Each structure stands twice: as C-alpha cells, then as structure tokens.
Amino acid sequence: MFFNRKKFVKNVTKYLHRVQQSPHTVGYGDIRVYPTATGFLYFFCILALFLLGINYQNNFVLIICCLMLAVIPYALLDTYRNLKDLTVEALPTERFFAGQSVRFRLHVGSGKTHYAIRVTPADPSAIEEFHDTVTKGNEIGITFHPQERGYLNSGAYAVTTVYPLGIFCAHCVIDFNQQTLIYPRQLTGMYRLTERASDKSSRTSHDSSTARGMDELSGLRPYRQGEPLSLIAWKQLAMQRGLLAKDFTATVDDSKYLDIDEIAGSLEEKLSVMTYACMQLTASNMLFGLKLGSDIIPPAQGEEHCTKVLEKLALYGK
C-alpha cells in the first residue's frame, strides 16, 4: 500500500509533540488538516475528469468536475470543526500489575457531538480506539500491555477524525505526560513472615499482657451477626449506645516482615510472590512489614500500607 496511515500519523505526532496541561481544549493552533489516501484518490479523479472534459470538450463532465471541486472547502471546514473545541482531561489511573491491560483514560467534555474520533498512540505496542460518536461525558483512552514492572508513560497520542467524507483528516497531538506505576505480577508461592533480630531480643522484655497469643483492645466497632457473645461491649449496650463489639489487635504480628531473603527463586519471582503475599495479607487485614535488603517498611495494615509496599516492590532494583 502506497500510504501507511499509522506510520504517517506516528511521524506527524513526533513532529508536533509538546506536553499540554490537563484539561486541554483543542483549538486553532493544535489542529493540522491533511488529505487522506481517499482524498488523494478524490483529487486524482477530479484531475482526470477535468482533462477528459477539456480533451473531448464535454461540458457535462466539466460541470461534474466543478461540483466535485465545490465539495472540497465544505469537507475541509467540517472536518476541522469536528475536532475543534474538543476538551480532553486526563483521569487518574488505577492499580495495575505486570501482564495486565493498562488503560490511560481521558475524559471528553464538549458542548457538541463529535463524530468518528480515533485515538492513535505513538507507541506501536499500544492499542488504538475508535468512537463513532463522542459527546459530553464520554471516556476515551489508549491501552497498553506492559510485561515489566516500573513506571509506564503513555507518551504522545494523536486524536484524529476523517468526518464527514473521509477525504481530509484533522489531526491533533495530545500529551499530558501521563504515567502510572506497574506493580510486579502476582505469583502464587510459599512465603512466611519473619522477625527481625532486634524484635526478637526486645520481645523478652515485654509485659505479660503483650506476650505471644495475647491481644490488645484497639477500639469498638459494630457487632456482626454470628460473632461470639464475649466480644459484645455490654457496658455500651447498657448505656443505650447500640450493639457494639470489642475490636482486638494481635500484638504477635507487630514484628512480622516479608523478607526477600526468605523466598526462593529469581529476583522477579521473589518480588512476584511478595506481591501476592501483600495482597493476601491486606485482604486478611493482617499487620506486616517489608524487608528488602537494607530497605525496611515498619509493620502496618490497610490499603495505604499495601500501596506503599507495592510501590517499593515495583521500584526495587530500578
């Protein structure tokens, strides 16, 4: 094929590349309009009809040629207007693991309807998207399939349209410098929580209330059906404060760590198993810390702690 659209769009995107602030409204200075392969064929037909009409002095053919020429400015203007005033805003990315599909999302807000909008990434490994109609509140984006952990940048991508006749293409380069952190892929494997030497030596001086197997009262929470009656806070019930249950925290887990040296396999396998363990421990609401050589994250629990651990795993050795 004499015209490679993807290669052409990639070269134009590289030439016009510049980073914008989100949100960004496509204006006059952002749009470039050029003929498509169909457009070049259309122009060739006009030229052929013109030469045919001149050679044979056929007025009917010349009238058709003039009508075809009259369509060009209207098609050019409509293609330009279809892309103009398109407001694009980068949306936050979600949590992704290596091997998963990563979609950089864009929110489109405009007071009019845009037709035949195509999003073409500069990265050939990414997947482009096509939308027949885009109205206010629509979501568009590009999809990647990263196989390695670490930061992933969306790069620049072209927003194009060939509406209404397909003989012209309006082209705009968008780059919000979006990036997301790809966590190691999850790999089911054997792991165990270990203690640091300093924790072992200090444990002997703990009070009997914090000995192994004992729990500490951390607060009150709503009572769940089926829980032991011994957990009910009877004093609170007598004060007519509702049915509450005592919430205990096991101190035995306060010094438990995921240690990379305690897991077998290559570096990536170790990180993958630790990622799996982090997700499992977080789902069980357990306290755990992280030990990656000299890098140590103290024991904690919750989604915020999980995110901190995953970020450390994703960037380890990078």
Protein backbone atom coordinates (compact mmCIF):
# COMPACT_ATOMS: atom_id res chain seq x y z
CA MET A 1 0.00 0.00 0.00
CA PHE A 2 1.45 3.34 -1.06
CA PHE A 3 0.11 5.20 2.01
CA ASN A 4 0.77 3.84 5.51
CA ARG A 5 -1.62 5.77 7.78
CA LYS A 6 -0.15 4.53 11.07
CA LYS A 7 3.42 5.40 10.05
CA PHE A 8 2.33 8.80 8.79
CA VAL A 9 0.41 9.59 11.99
CA LYS A 10 3.40 8.48 14.08
CA ASN A 11 5.77 10.81 12.18
CA VAL A 12 3.39 13.77 12.38
CA THR A 13 2.83 13.09 16.11
CA LYS A 14 6.57 13.12 16.74
CA TYR A 15 6.96 16.36 14.77
CA LEU A 16 4.12 18.18 16.56
CA HIS A 17 4.83 16.72 20.01
CA ARG A 18 4.50 19.01 23.01
CA VAL A 19 3.26 18.44 26.56
CA GLN A 20 -0.08 20.06 27.48
CA GLN A 21 -1.77 20.80 30.76
CA SER A 22 -4.88 18.84 31.69
CA PRO A 23 -7.63 19.69 30.85
CA HIS A 24 -6.87 20.91 27.34
CA THR A 25 -9.30 22.30 24.76
CA VAL A 26 -8.33 21.63 21.17
CA GLY A 27 -8.04 24.99 19.39
CA TYR A 28 -6.89 26.51 16.16
CA GLY A 29 -3.19 26.15 16.90
CA ASP A 30 -3.49 22.44 17.75
CA ILE A 31 -5.20 21.13 14.61
CA ARG A 32 -3.50 20.11 11.38
CA VAL A 33 -5.60 19.05 8.39
CA TYR A 34 -4.21 16.94 5.55
CA PRO A 35 -5.69 14.78 2.76
CA THR A 36 -6.19 11.09 3.37
CA ALA A 37 -5.49 8.30 0.88
CA THR A 38 -9.13 8.57 -0.18
CA GLY A 39 -8.62 12.31 -0.56
CA PHE A 40 -5.68 11.86 -2.91
CA LEU A 41 -7.77 9.46 -4.97
CA TYR A 42 -10.58 12.03 -4.99
CA PHE A 43 -8.24 14.73 -6.28
CA PHE A 44 -6.90 12.38 -8.95
CA CYS A 45 -10.47 11.73 -10.14
CA ILE A 46 -11.11 15.48 -10.37
CA LEU A 47 -7.97 15.94 -12.42
CA ALA A 48 -8.85 13.02 -14.68
CA LEU A 49 -12.38 14.37 -15.24
CA PHE A 50 -11.02 17.84 -15.95
CA LEU A 51 -8.58 16.53 -18.58
CA LEU A 52 -11.31 14.33 -20.03
CA GLY A 53 -13.75 17.24 -20.28
CA ILE A 54 -11.15 19.55 -21.85
CA ASN A 55 -9.96 16.94 -24.32
CA TYR A 56 -13.43 15.98 -25.51
CA GLN A 57 -15.00 19.43 -24.89
CA ASN A 58 -17.70 17.82 -22.79
CA ASN A 59 -19.48 20.42 -20.68
CA PHE A 60 -21.33 17.83 -18.60
CA VAL A 61 -18.05 16.29 -17.44
CA LEU A 62 -16.69 19.75 -16.65
CA ILE A 63 -19.80 20.54 -14.58
CA ILE A 64 -19.27 17.34 -12.57
CA CYS A 65 -15.65 18.34 -12.09
CA CYS A 66 -16.70 21.77 -10.77
CA LEU A 67 -19.23 20.23 -8.39
CA MET A 68 -16.57 17.90 -7.02
CA LEU A 69 -14.26 20.88 -6.52
CA ALA A 70 -17.04 22.74 -4.68
CA VAL A 71 -17.28 19.93 -2.14
CA ILE A 72 -13.64 20.32 -1.06
CA PRO A 73 -13.88 23.53 1.04
CA TYR A 74 -17.02 22.31 2.82
CA ALA A 75 -15.44 18.94 3.62
CA LEU A 76 -12.26 20.67 4.83
CA LEU A 77 -14.18 23.03 7.11
CA ASP A 78 -16.47 20.33 8.54
CA THR A 79 -13.51 18.07 9.30
CA TYR A 80 -11.79 20.91 11.13
CA ARG A 81 -14.92 21.85 13.09
CA ASN A 82 -15.49 18.24 14.12
CA LEU A 83 -12.24 18.24 16.11
CA LYS A 84 -12.23 21.86 17.29
CA ASP A 85 -13.40 22.63 20.86
CA LEU A 86 -12.87 19.03 21.97
CA THR A 87 -11.92 19.33 25.66
CA VAL A 88 -9.72 16.48 26.90
CA GLU A 89 -8.87 15.80 30.55
CA ALA A 90 -6.58 13.11 31.95
CA LEU A 91 -8.21 10.82 34.53
CA PRO A 92 -6.38 9.11 37.42
CA THR A 93 -5.07 5.64 36.73
CA GLU A 94 -5.93 2.59 38.79
CA ARG A 95 -3.76 -0.15 40.31
CA PHE A 96 -2.19 -2.35 37.63
CA PHE A 97 0.12 -5.36 37.72
CA ALA A 98 2.56 -6.53 35.07
CA GLY A 99 0.83 -8.64 32.44
CA GLN A 100 -2.48 -6.80 32.81
CA SER A 101 -4.05 -4.41 30.32
CA VAL A 102 -3.33 -0.82 31.32
CA ARG A 103 -5.72 1.83 30.01
CA PHE A 104 -4.89 5.51 30.25
CA ARG A 105 -8.30 7.15 30.46
CA LEU A 106 -9.29 10.53 29.08
CA HIS A 107 -12.49 12.40 29.84
CA VAL A 108 -14.04 14.26 26.92
CA GLY A 109 -16.19 17.28 27.68
CA SER A 110 -17.76 19.34 24.91
CA GLY A 111 -20.98 21.15 24.23
CA LYS A 112 -21.45 19.43 20.89
CA THR A 113 -21.23 15.96 19.41
CA HIS A 114 -18.04 14.86 17.66
CA TYR A 115 -18.09 12.04 15.14
CA ALA A 116 -15.59 9.34 14.10
CA ILE A 117 -12.91 10.14 16.71
CA ARG A 118 -9.84 7.90 16.65
CA VAL A 119 -7.10 7.84 19.31
CA THR A 120 -3.79 6.59 17.91
CA PRO A 121 -0.83 6.15 20.32
CA ALA A 122 2.71 6.85 19.19
CA ASP A 123 3.78 3.57 20.80
CA PRO A 124 3.14 0.80 18.24
CA SER A 125 2.59 -1.76 21.02
CA ALA A 126 -0.44 0.12 22.34
CA ILE A 127 -3.99 -0.37 21.07
CA GLU A 128 -5.83 2.48 19.38
CA GLU A 129 -9.52 3.23 19.98
CA PHE A 130 -12.24 4.37 17.62
CA HIS A 131 -15.51 6.03 18.65
CA ASP A 132 -18.42 6.66 16.28
CA THR A 133 -19.77 9.49 18.41
CA VAL A 134 -18.24 11.39 21.30
CA THR A 135 -20.45 13.63 23.44
CA LYS A 136 -20.07 15.41 26.75
CA GLY A 137 -19.04 12.99 29.48
CA ASN A 138 -17.59 10.31 27.21
CA GLU A 139 -14.43 8.44 28.10
CA ILE A 140 -11.71 7.59 25.59
CA GLY A 141 -8.22 6.23 26.07
CA ILE A 142 -5.37 4.01 24.95
CA THR A 143 -4.48 0.52 26.14
CA PHE A 144 -1.04 -0.94 26.86
CA HIS A 145 0.05 -4.47 27.79
CA PRO A 146 3.17 -3.98 29.96
CA GLN A 147 5.14 -7.09 30.80
CA GLU A 148 7.61 -5.46 33.20
CA ARG A 149 7.25 -3.61 36.49
CA GLY A 150 8.16 0.05 36.91
CA TYR A 151 6.86 3.34 35.57
CA LEU A 152 4.88 3.30 32.32
CA ASN A 153 4.41 6.53 30.38
CA SER A 154 1.58 6.90 27.90
CA GLY A 155 3.63 9.12 25.61
CA ALA A 156 2.02 11.31 22.98
CA TYR A 157 -1.00 10.18 21.03
CA ALA A 158 -2.91 11.57 18.10
CA VAL A 159 -6.62 12.40 18.19
CA THR A 160 -7.86 12.30 14.60
CA THR A 161 -11.10 12.40 12.63
CA VAL A 162 -11.96 11.97 8.95
CA TYR A 163 -15.59 13.02 9.31
CA PRO A 164 -17.65 13.68 7.20
CA LEU A 165 -16.42 12.42 3.80
CA GLY A 166 -13.09 10.82 4.63
CA ILE A 167 -11.08 12.91 2.15
CA PHE A 168 -9.48 15.05 4.87
CA CYS A 169 -8.06 14.12 8.28
CA ALA A 170 -7.97 16.58 11.17
CA HIS A 171 -5.08 15.75 13.47
CA CYS A 172 -4.24 16.89 17.00
CA VAL A 173 -1.37 15.72 19.23
CA ILE A 174 -2.19 15.24 22.93
CA ASP A 175 0.40 14.56 25.61
CA PHE A 176 -0.39 15.01 29.29
CA ASN A 177 2.74 13.10 30.31
CA GLN A 178 0.54 10.51 31.99
CA GLN A 179 2.35 7.77 33.83
CA THR A 180 1.46 5.00 36.21
CA LEU A 181 3.44 2.58 38.33
CA ILE A 182 3.19 -1.04 37.23
CA TYR A 183 3.45 -3.44 40.17
CA PRO A 184 5.08 -6.88 39.86
CA ARG A 185 2.80 -9.61 38.58
CA GLN A 186 1.24 -11.79 41.27
CA LEU A 187 2.69 -15.26 41.56
CA THR A 188 1.28 -17.83 43.95
CA GLY A 189 4.08 -19.27 46.05
CA MET A 190 5.29 -20.20 49.51
CA TYR A 191 6.13 -17.37 51.89
CA ARG A 192 6.39 -16.85 55.62
CA LEU A 193 6.54 -13.85 57.90
CA THR A 194 9.80 -13.47 59.80
CA GLU A 195 11.03 -11.38 62.71
CA ARG A 196 13.95 -9.02 62.81
CA ALA A 197 16.70 -9.78 65.30
CA SER A 198 16.04 -6.56 67.22
CA ASP A 199 12.38 -7.55 67.62
CA LYS A 200 13.32 -10.98 68.96
CA SER A 201 15.63 -9.53 71.62
CA SER A 202 13.14 -6.88 72.71
CA ARG A 203 10.24 -9.32 72.88
CA THR A 204 11.62 -10.93 76.08
CA SER A 205 11.19 -7.64 77.98
CA HIS A 206 7.54 -7.22 77.04
CA ASP A 207 4.85 -7.27 79.70
CA SER A 208 2.77 -10.39 80.08
CA SER A 209 -0.19 -8.53 78.56
CA THR A 210 1.68 -8.41 75.27
CA ALA A 211 3.01 -11.95 75.35
CA ARG A 212 2.60 -14.34 72.45
CA GLY A 213 -1.01 -15.23 71.78
CA MET A 214 -2.46 -12.23 73.71
CA ASP A 215 -4.42 -9.44 72.03
CA GLU A 216 -4.85 -5.75 72.89
CA LEU A 217 -8.12 -3.83 72.79
CA SER A 218 -7.92 -1.28 69.99
CA GLY A 219 -11.48 0.10 69.98
CA LEU A 220 -15.13 -0.61 69.33
CA ARG A 221 -16.96 -1.46 66.12
CA PRO A 222 -20.49 -2.51 65.11
CA TYR A 223 -21.35 -6.08 66.16
CA ARG A 224 -21.59 -8.60 63.30
CA GLN A 225 -24.12 -11.42 63.41
CA GLY A 226 -22.55 -14.73 64.41
CA GLU A 227 -19.64 -13.33 66.44
CA PRO A 228 -19.04 -14.67 70.00
CA LEU A 229 -21.12 -13.01 72.72
CA SER A 230 -17.94 -12.41 74.70
CA LEU A 231 -16.98 -9.70 72.21
CA ILE A 232 -20.08 -7.62 72.93
CA ALA A 233 -19.45 -4.38 74.85
CA TRP A 234 -22.18 -4.86 77.45
CA LYS A 235 -21.49 -1.57 79.21
CA GLN A 236 -22.06 0.30 75.96
CA LEU A 237 -25.27 -1.64 75.42
CA ALA A 238 -26.47 -0.78 78.91
CA MET A 239 -25.84 2.90 78.17
CA GLN A 240 -28.08 2.51 75.10
CA ARG A 241 -25.27 3.20 72.64
CA GLY A 242 -26.17 0.30 70.40
CA LEU A 243 -24.82 -3.19 69.90
CA LEU A 244 -21.04 -2.80 69.69
CA ALA A 245 -18.22 -5.33 69.66
CA LYS A 246 -14.72 -5.06 71.09
CA ASP A 247 -12.01 -4.90 68.43
CA PHE A 248 -8.70 -6.53 69.32
CA THR A 249 -5.31 -6.25 67.65
CA ALA A 250 -2.89 -9.14 67.83
CA THR A 251 0.46 -7.87 69.04
CA VAL A 252 2.17 -11.03 67.92
CA ASP A 253 2.05 -9.73 64.33
CA ASP A 254 3.59 -6.35 65.16
CA SER A 255 7.06 -7.54 64.25
CA LYS A 256 6.29 -9.75 61.26
CA TYR A 257 8.02 -8.98 57.98
CA LEU A 258 8.02 -10.13 54.39
CA ASP A 259 11.71 -10.75 53.80
CA ILE A 260 13.03 -11.14 50.26
CA ASP A 261 15.90 -13.30 51.54
CA GLU A 262 13.42 -15.87 52.87
CA ILE A 263 11.82 -16.54 49.46
CA ALA A 264 13.33 -18.86 46.86
CA GLY A 265 13.66 -18.13 43.15
CA SER A 266 14.97 -15.37 40.89
CA LEU A 267 14.58 -11.70 41.77
CA GLU A 268 11.42 -11.25 39.70
CA GLU A 269 9.92 -14.46 41.11
CA LYS A 270 10.63 -13.30 44.66
CA LEU A 271 9.01 -9.92 44.01
CA SER A 272 6.01 -11.59 42.39
CA VAL A 273 5.49 -13.90 45.39
CA MET A 274 5.86 -10.96 47.77
CA THR A 275 3.27 -9.04 45.74
CA TYR A 276 0.88 -11.97 46.05
CA ALA A 277 1.58 -12.18 49.79
CA CYS A 278 0.99 -8.44 50.22
CA MET A 279 -2.43 -8.69 48.58
CA GLN A 280 -3.39 -11.72 50.65
CA LEU A 281 -2.26 -10.20 53.95
CA THR A 282 -4.05 -6.94 53.18
CA ALA A 283 -7.25 -8.80 52.34
CA SER A 284 -6.95 -10.57 55.72
CA ASN A 285 -6.32 -7.20 57.46
CA MET A 286 -3.09 -8.50 59.00
CA LEU A 287 -0.15 -6.49 60.24
CA PHE A 288 3.07 -7.00 58.30
CA GLY A 289 6.22 -5.16 57.32
CA LEU A 290 8.61 -5.35 54.38
CA LYS A 291 12.32 -6.03 54.29
CA LEU A 292 14.21 -5.60 51.02
CA GLY A 293 17.84 -5.77 51.99
CA SER A 294 18.51 -2.54 53.88
CA ASP A 295 15.14 -1.05 52.94
CA ILE A 296 12.57 -1.68 55.67
CA ILE A 297 8.94 -0.64 55.94
CA PRO A 298 7.58 -0.95 59.50
CA PRO A 299 4.60 -3.24 60.13
CA ALA A 300 1.17 -1.75 59.45
CA GLN A 301 -2.09 -2.68 57.77
CA GLY A 302 -4.66 -1.24 55.39
CA GLU A 303 -4.79 -0.11 51.77
CA GLU A 304 -2.39 2.77 52.28
CA HIS A 305 0.26 0.44 53.69
CA CYS A 306 -0.39 -2.04 50.88
CA THR A 307 0.17 0.68 48.27
CA LYS A 308 3.40 1.72 49.94
CA VAL A 309 4.68 -1.87 49.92
CA LEU A 310 3.68 -2.44 46.29
CA GLU A 311 5.45 0.76 45.21
CA LYS A 312 8.60 -0.39 46.97
CA LEU A 313 8.41 -3.78 45.25
CA ALA A 314 7.78 -2.20 41.85
CA LEU A 315 10.82 0.08 42.04
CA TYR A 316 13.22 -2.34 43.75
CA GLY A 317 16.44 -2.59 41.74
CA LYS A 318 15.32 0.02 39.20
